[in-house]
Amino acid sequence: MEQAVIVYLLLNDGQFGTSKERASILALEDRLEQVVGNASVGEFDGDEFGDGKCILYMYGPDAERLFVVIEPVLKSSPAAVGGYAIKRFGKAADSSAREVRVTW
């Protein structure tokens, strides 16, 4: 689990989002966890809400493969509109790990 895809979702209220936004994101999380597990490309590791955004964490051996699996889910979710992802090709502690920002 050396690589990661970290998804950033923007929230409307500047802090933790509305209850409707949070519910939509939780549904998105369930779907992401399902497709990542079914494709055996890694794991969905959770979320972090605050400061007007929600961050979703996914890890696996290949960030490209992981993103290919989750991209259709992100594109089809209203909760992901305006968001972006960072594909990180290396360990979190590796400050020189290559990162690529992706929008959909």
C-alpha atoms as a PDB file:
ATOM      1  CA  MET A   1       0.000   0.000   0.000  1.00  0.00           C
ATOM      2  CA  GLU A   2       2.755   2.422  -0.972  1.00  0.00           C
ATOM      3  CA  GLN A   3       0.674   4.732  -3.175  1.00  0.00           C
ATOM      4  CA  ALA A   4      -2.461   6.802  -2.656  1.00  0.00           C
ATOM      5  CA  VAL A   5      -5.321   8.663  -4.250  1.00  0.00           C
ATOM      6  CA  ILE A   6      -6.539  11.511  -2.072  1.00  0.00           C
ATOM      7  CA  VAL A   7      -9.821  13.101  -3.149  1.00  0.00           C
ATOM      8  CA  TYR A   8     -10.722  16.680  -2.177  1.00  0.00           C
ATOM      9  CA  LEU A   9     -14.395  17.646  -2.193  1.00  0.00           C
ATOM     10  CA  LEU A  10     -15.472  21.241  -1.691  1.00  0.00           C
ATOM     11  CA  LEU A  11     -18.256  22.012   0.785  1.00  0.00           C
ATOM     12  CA  ASN A  12     -20.692  24.923   0.606  1.00  0.00           C
ATOM     13  CA  ASP A  13     -20.728  26.250   4.150  1.00  0.00           C
ATOM     14  CA  GLY A  14     -17.012  26.824   4.721  1.00  0.00           C
ATOM     15  CA  GLN A  15     -16.704  24.313   7.552  1.00  0.00           C
ATOM     16  CA  PHE A  16     -18.267  20.838   7.625  1.00  0.00           C
ATOM     17  CA  GLY A  17     -20.859  21.068   4.856  1.00  0.00           C
ATOM     18  CA  THR A  18     -24.619  20.844   5.074  1.00  0.00           C
ATOM     19  CA  SER A  19     -26.344  17.701   6.324  1.00  0.00           C
ATOM     20  CA  LYS A  20     -27.405  17.005   2.727  1.00  0.00           C
ATOM     21  CA  GLU A  21     -23.786  17.329   1.513  1.00  0.00           C
ATOM     22  CA  ARG A  22     -22.519  15.028   4.258  1.00  0.00           C
ATOM     23  CA  ALA A  23     -25.177  12.415   3.430  1.00  0.00           C
ATOM     24  CA  SER A  24     -24.264  12.581  -0.261  1.00  0.00           C
ATOM     25  CA  ILE A  25     -20.567  12.199   0.539  1.00  0.00           C
ATOM     26  CA  LEU A  26     -21.238   9.233   2.833  1.00  0.00           C
ATOM     27  CA  ALA A  27     -23.118   7.542  -0.019  1.00  0.00           C
ATOM     28  CA  LEU A  28     -20.158   8.299  -2.302  1.00  0.00           C
ATOM     29  CA  GLU A  29     -17.787   6.794   0.268  1.00  0.00           C
ATOM     30  CA  ASP A  30     -19.834   3.585   0.397  1.00  0.00           C
ATOM     31  CA  ARG A  31     -19.682   3.302  -3.393  1.00  0.00           C
ATOM     32  CA  LEU A  32     -15.923   4.021  -3.495  1.00  0.00           C
ATOM     33  CA  GLU A  33     -15.240   1.440  -0.797  1.00  0.00           C
ATOM     34  CA  GLN A  34     -17.259  -1.103  -2.768  1.00  0.00           C
ATOM     35  CA  VAL A  35     -15.583  -0.561  -6.154  1.00  0.00           C
ATOM     36  CA  VAL A  36     -12.067  -0.395  -4.683  1.00  0.00           C
ATOM     37  CA  GLY A  37     -12.638  -3.648  -2.801  1.00  0.00           C
ATOM     38  CA  ASN A  38     -14.325  -5.423  -5.726  1.00  0.00           C
ATOM     39  CA  ALA A  39     -11.466  -4.489  -8.061  1.00  0.00           C
ATOM     40  CA  SER A  40      -8.825  -5.529  -5.486  1.00  0.00           C
ATOM     41  CA  VAL A  41      -6.814  -2.343  -6.118  1.00  0.00           C
ATOM     42  CA  GLY A  42      -6.385  -1.240  -2.515  1.00  0.00           C
ATOM     43  CA  GLU A  43      -8.519   0.091   0.301  1.00  0.00           C
ATOM     44  CA  PHE A  44     -10.723   3.027   1.170  1.00  0.00           C
ATOM     45  CA  ASP A  45      -9.295   4.389   4.420  1.00  0.00           C
ATOM     46  CA  GLY A  46     -11.752   7.067   5.492  1.00  0.00           C
ATOM     47  CA  ASP A  47     -12.508  10.770   5.412  1.00  0.00           C
ATOM     48  CA  GLU A  48     -11.728  14.073   7.058  1.00  0.00           C
ATOM     49  CA  PHE A  49     -14.256  16.943   7.172  1.00  0.00           C
ATOM     50  CA  GLY A  50     -13.406  20.554   7.978  1.00  0.00           C
ATOM     51  CA  ASP A  51     -12.357  23.950   6.681  1.00  0.00           C
ATOM     52  CA  GLY A  52     -14.864  23.808   3.821  1.00  0.00           C
ATOM     53  CA  LYS A  53     -13.705  20.524   2.371  1.00  0.00           C
ATOM     54  CA  CYS A  54     -13.917  16.774   2.758  1.00  0.00           C
ATOM     55  CA  ILE A  55     -10.842  14.670   2.055  1.00  0.00           C
ATOM     56  CA  LEU A  56     -11.201  10.992   1.119  1.00  0.00           C
ATOM     57  CA  TYR A  57      -8.211   8.660   1.495  1.00  0.00           C
ATOM     58  CA  MET A  58      -7.556   5.558  -0.601  1.00  0.00           C
ATOM     59  CA  TYR A  59      -4.368   3.499  -0.674  1.00  0.00           C
ATOM     60  CA  GLY A  60      -3.033   0.735  -2.878  1.00  0.00           C
ATOM     61  CA  PRO A  61       0.026  -0.599  -4.650  1.00  0.00           C
ATOM     62  CA  ASP A  62      -0.697   1.423  -7.837  1.00  0.00           C
ATOM     63  CA  ALA A  63      -2.263   4.905  -7.716  1.00  0.00           C
ATOM     64  CA  GLU A  64      -3.013   4.848 -11.460  1.00  0.00           C
ATOM     65  CA  ARG A  65      -5.026   1.616 -11.239  1.00  0.00           C
ATOM     66  CA  LEU A  66      -6.781   2.889  -8.137  1.00  0.00           C
ATOM     67  CA  PHE A  67      -7.800   6.118  -9.869  1.00  0.00           C
ATOM     68  CA  VAL A  68      -9.003   4.286 -12.995  1.00  0.00           C
ATOM     69  CA  VAL A  69     -11.386   2.305 -10.781  1.00  0.00           C
ATOM     70  CA  ILE A  70     -12.747   5.282  -8.828  1.00  0.00           C
ATOM     71  CA  GLU A  71     -12.878   7.888 -11.614  1.00  0.00           C
ATOM     72  CA  PRO A  72     -16.269   6.768 -13.050  1.00  0.00           C
ATOM     73  CA  VAL A  73     -17.778   6.853  -9.548  1.00  0.00           C
ATOM     74  CA  LEU A  74     -16.434  10.358  -8.953  1.00  0.00           C
ATOM     75  CA  LYS A  75     -17.675  11.583 -12.336  1.00  0.00           C
ATOM     76  CA  SER A  76     -21.173  10.263 -11.643  1.00  0.00           C
ATOM     77  CA  SER A  77     -21.515  11.720  -8.143  1.00  0.00           C
ATOM     78  CA  PRO A  78     -23.020  15.173  -7.545  1.00  0.00           C
ATOM     79  CA  ALA A  79     -20.991  15.278  -4.299  1.00  0.00           C
ATOM     80  CA  ALA A  80     -17.766  15.253  -6.325  1.00  0.00           C
ATOM     81  CA  VAL A  81     -18.579  18.193  -8.632  1.00  0.00           C
ATOM     82  CA  GLY A  82     -15.788  20.774  -8.434  1.00  0.00           C
ATOM     83  CA  GLY A  83     -13.469  18.412  -6.603  1.00  0.00           C
ATOM     84  CA  TYR A  84     -10.077  17.035  -7.512  1.00  0.00           C
ATOM     85  CA  ALA A  85      -7.747  14.186  -6.627  1.00  0.00           C
ATOM     86  CA  ILE A  86      -4.058  13.869  -5.915  1.00  0.00           C
ATOM     87  CA  LYS A  87      -2.401  10.669  -7.104  1.00  0.00           C
ATOM     88  CA  ARG A  88       0.672  10.095  -4.950  1.00  0.00           C
ATOM     89  CA  PHE A  89       3.298   7.658  -6.204  1.00  0.00           C
ATOM     90  CA  GLY A  90       5.162   6.816  -3.025  1.00  0.00           C
ATOM     91  CA  LYS A  91       4.906   6.597   0.736  1.00  0.00           C
ATOM     92  CA  ALA A  92       3.281   9.405   2.706  1.00  0.00           C
ATOM     93  CA  ALA A  93       6.553  10.012   4.563  1.00  0.00           C
ATOM     94  CA  ASP A  94       8.470  10.395   1.284  1.00  0.00           C
ATOM     95  CA  SER A  95       8.578  14.147   0.638  1.00  0.00           C
ATOM     96  CA  SER A  96       9.989  13.522  -2.845  1.00  0.00           C
ATOM     97  CA  ALA A  97       7.138  11.209  -3.935  1.00  0.00           C
ATOM     98  CA  ARG A  98       5.690  12.335  -7.248  1.00  0.00           C
ATOM     99  CA  GLU A  99       2.144  13.744  -7.057  1.00  0.00           C
ATOM    100  CA  VAL A 100      -0.272  14.432  -9.910  1.00  0.00           C
ATOM    101  CA  ARG A 101      -3.431  16.536  -9.543  1.00  0.00           C
ATOM    102  CA  VAL A 102      -6.441  15.291 -11.508  1.00  0.00           C
ATOM    103  CA  THR A 103      -9.830  16.894 -12.106  1.00  0.00           C
ATOM    104  CA  TRP A 104     -12.878  15.280 -13.632  1.00  0.00           C
END
